[in-house]
C-alpha atoms as a PDB file:
ATOM      1  CA  MET A   1    -103.590-107.352-135.752  1.00  0.00           C
ATOM      2  CA  ILE A   2    -106.485-108.754-137.129  1.00  0.00           C
ATOM      3  CA  THR A   3    -106.629-112.356-137.197  1.00  0.00           C
ATOM      4  CA  ASP A   4    -109.458-114.223-138.884  1.00  0.00           C
ATOM      5  CA  GLY A   5    -107.946-117.590-139.287  1.00  0.00           C
ATOM      6  CA  ARG A   6    -106.833-117.216-142.574  1.00  0.00           C
ATOM      7  CA  ARG A   7    -103.053-117.746-143.303  1.00  0.00           C
ATOM      8  CA  ASP A   8    -102.655-117.826-147.204  1.00  0.00           C
ATOM      9  CA  PHE A   9    -102.933-114.357-147.929  1.00  0.00           C
ATOM     10  CA  SER A  10    -100.583-112.311-149.499  1.00  0.00           C
ATOM     11  CA  PRO A  11     -99.981-108.752-147.949  1.00  0.00           C
ATOM     12  CA  ALA A  12    -100.235-106.097-150.556  1.00  0.00           C
ATOM     13  CA  TYR A  13    -100.299-103.498-147.960  1.00  0.00           C
ATOM     14  CA  THR A  14     -96.853-104.481-146.613  1.00  0.00           C
ATOM     15  CA  ALA A  15     -94.861-101.754-148.157  1.00  0.00           C
ATOM     16  CA  TRP A  16     -97.144 -98.985-146.851  1.00  0.00           C
ATOM     17  CA  LEU A  17     -96.983-100.406-143.090  1.00  0.00           C
ATOM     18  CA  ARG A  18     -96.381 -97.340-140.732  1.00  0.00           C
ATOM     19  CA  LYS A  19     -95.540 -95.165-143.197  1.00  0.00           C
ATOM     20  CA  PRO A  20     -97.882 -91.724-143.576  1.00  0.00           C
ATOM     21  CA  VAL A  21    -100.131 -92.255-146.145  1.00  0.00           C
ATOM     22  CA  VAL A  22    -103.440 -91.149-147.474  1.00  0.00           C
ATOM     23  CA  LEU A  23    -106.196 -93.812-148.369  1.00  0.00           C
ATOM     24  CA  LEU A  24    -108.630 -93.086-150.571  1.00  0.00           C
ATOM     25  CA  LEU A  25    -112.578 -95.169-149.425  1.00  0.00           C
ATOM     26  CA  VAL A  26    -115.343 -95.091-150.958  1.00  0.00           C
ATOM     27  CA  ILE A  27    -118.598 -94.891-148.574  1.00  0.00           C
ATOM     28  CA  ARG A  28    -121.719 -94.121-150.150  1.00  0.00           C
ATOM     29  CA  GLN A  29    -120.839 -93.333-153.743  1.00  0.00           C
ATOM     30  CA  CYS A  30    -118.463 -90.867-151.851  1.00  0.00           C
ATOM     31  CA  HIS A  31    -114.987 -90.895-152.780  1.00  0.00           C
ATOM     32  CA  VAL A  32    -113.470 -89.973-149.140  1.00  0.00           C
ATOM     33  CA  PRO A  33    -109.719 -89.152-148.586  1.00  0.00           C
ATOM     34  CA  VAL A  34    -108.367 -90.243-144.728  1.00  0.00           C
ATOM     35  CA  PRO A  35    -104.857 -89.403-143.893  1.00  0.00           C
ATOM     36  CA  CYS A  36    -103.499 -92.123-141.617  1.00  0.00           C
ATOM     37  CA  ARG A  37    -100.998 -95.367-140.735  1.00  0.00           C
ATOM     38  CA  ILE A  38    -101.309 -98.793-141.632  1.00  0.00           C
ATOM     39  CA  VAL A  39    -100.545-100.761-138.624  1.00  0.00           C
ATOM     40  CA  GLY A  40    -101.698-103.761-139.362  1.00  0.00           C
ATOM     41  CA  GLU A  41    -103.429-105.866-142.034  1.00  0.00           C
ATOM     42  CA  SER A  42    -105.244-109.485-142.620  1.00  0.00           C
ATOM     43  CA  ALA A  43    -106.601-111.331-145.349  1.00  0.00           C
ATOM     44  CA  THR A  44    -109.603-109.107-145.603  1.00  0.00           C
ATOM     45  CA  ALA A  45    -109.366-106.009-143.728  1.00  0.00           C
ATOM     46  CA  LEU A  46    -106.553-103.255-142.450  1.00  0.00           C
ATOM     47  CA  ARG A  47    -105.619-101.898-138.873  1.00  0.00           C
ATOM     48  CA  VAL A  48    -105.079 -97.983-139.363  1.00  0.00           C
ATOM     49  CA  ARG A  49    -103.926 -95.362-136.595  1.00  0.00           C
ATOM     50  CA  PHE A  50    -105.185 -92.163-137.119  1.00  0.00           C
ATOM     51  CA  ARG A  51    -103.157 -91.028-134.306  1.00  0.00           C
ATOM     52  CA  PRO A  52    -101.405 -92.124-131.120  1.00  0.00           C
ATOM     53  CA  GLY A  53    -104.409 -93.753-129.158  1.00  0.00           C
ATOM     54  CA  TRP A  54    -106.937 -93.851-132.095  1.00  0.00           C
ATOM     55  CA  GLU A  55    -107.198 -96.821-134.756  1.00  0.00           C
ATOM     56  CA  MET A  56    -109.482 -99.292-136.532  1.00  0.00           C
ATOM     57  CA  ASP A  57    -109.793-101.874-139.196  1.00  0.00           C
ATOM     58  CA  LEU A  58    -110.949-100.706-142.431  1.00  0.00           C
ATOM     59  CA  ARG A  59    -112.524-103.478-145.052  1.00  0.00           C
ATOM     60  CA  LYS A  60    -110.031-103.777-147.786  1.00  0.00           C
ATOM     61  CA  GLU A  61    -113.014-103.829-150.463  1.00  0.00           C
ATOM     62  CA  LEU A  62    -113.768-100.162-149.412  1.00  0.00           C
ATOM     63  CA  ILE A  63    -110.225 -99.090-150.326  1.00  0.00           C
ATOM     64  CA  LEU A  64    -109.837 -97.600-154.198  1.00  0.00           C
ATOM     65  CA  ALA A  65    -106.174 -96.352-153.682  1.00  0.00           C
ATOM     66  CA  VAL A  66    -103.352 -95.619-151.034  1.00  0.00           C
ATOM     67  CA  GLU A  67    -100.467 -92.958-151.618  1.00  0.00           C
ATOM     68  CA  GLU A  68     -97.545 -91.666-149.691  1.00  0.00           C
ATOM     69  CA  ASP A  69     -98.858 -88.738-147.788  1.00  0.00           C
ATOM     70  CA  GLY A  70     -96.450 -85.707-148.819  1.00  0.00           C
ATOM     71  CA  VAL A  71     -97.752 -83.478-146.219  1.00  0.00           C
ATOM     72  CA  MET A  72     -96.991 -85.550-143.392  1.00  0.00           C
ATOM     73  CA  LEU A  73     -93.302 -86.133-144.629  1.00  0.00           C
ATOM     74  CA  GLU A  74     -92.597 -82.517-145.350  1.00  0.00           C
ATOM     75  CA  PRO A  75     -90.399 -81.100-142.009  1.00  0.00           C
ATOM     76  CA  ARG A  76     -92.036 -78.642-139.859  1.00  0.00           C
ATOM     77  CA  VAL A  77     -90.884 -75.217-140.212  1.00  0.00           C
ATOM     78  CA  ASN A  78     -91.348 -72.890-137.209  1.00  0.00           C
END
């Protein structure tokens, strides 16, 4: 979990915690969809997991939208 010393924030992403989501990020004026799971939140950043063992912090100011990832929710058919 990210800590920056502030405890007076409202966690806006709590409903999405540990669920498969797609974050729409803005990076250098480009909109980039990022499939991941939100695993933690601080006042200024989200901790996201792309796959087991691969996590990073994303600044909240880069996030334009978040939605449930329907592709990851569908059961696999062999």
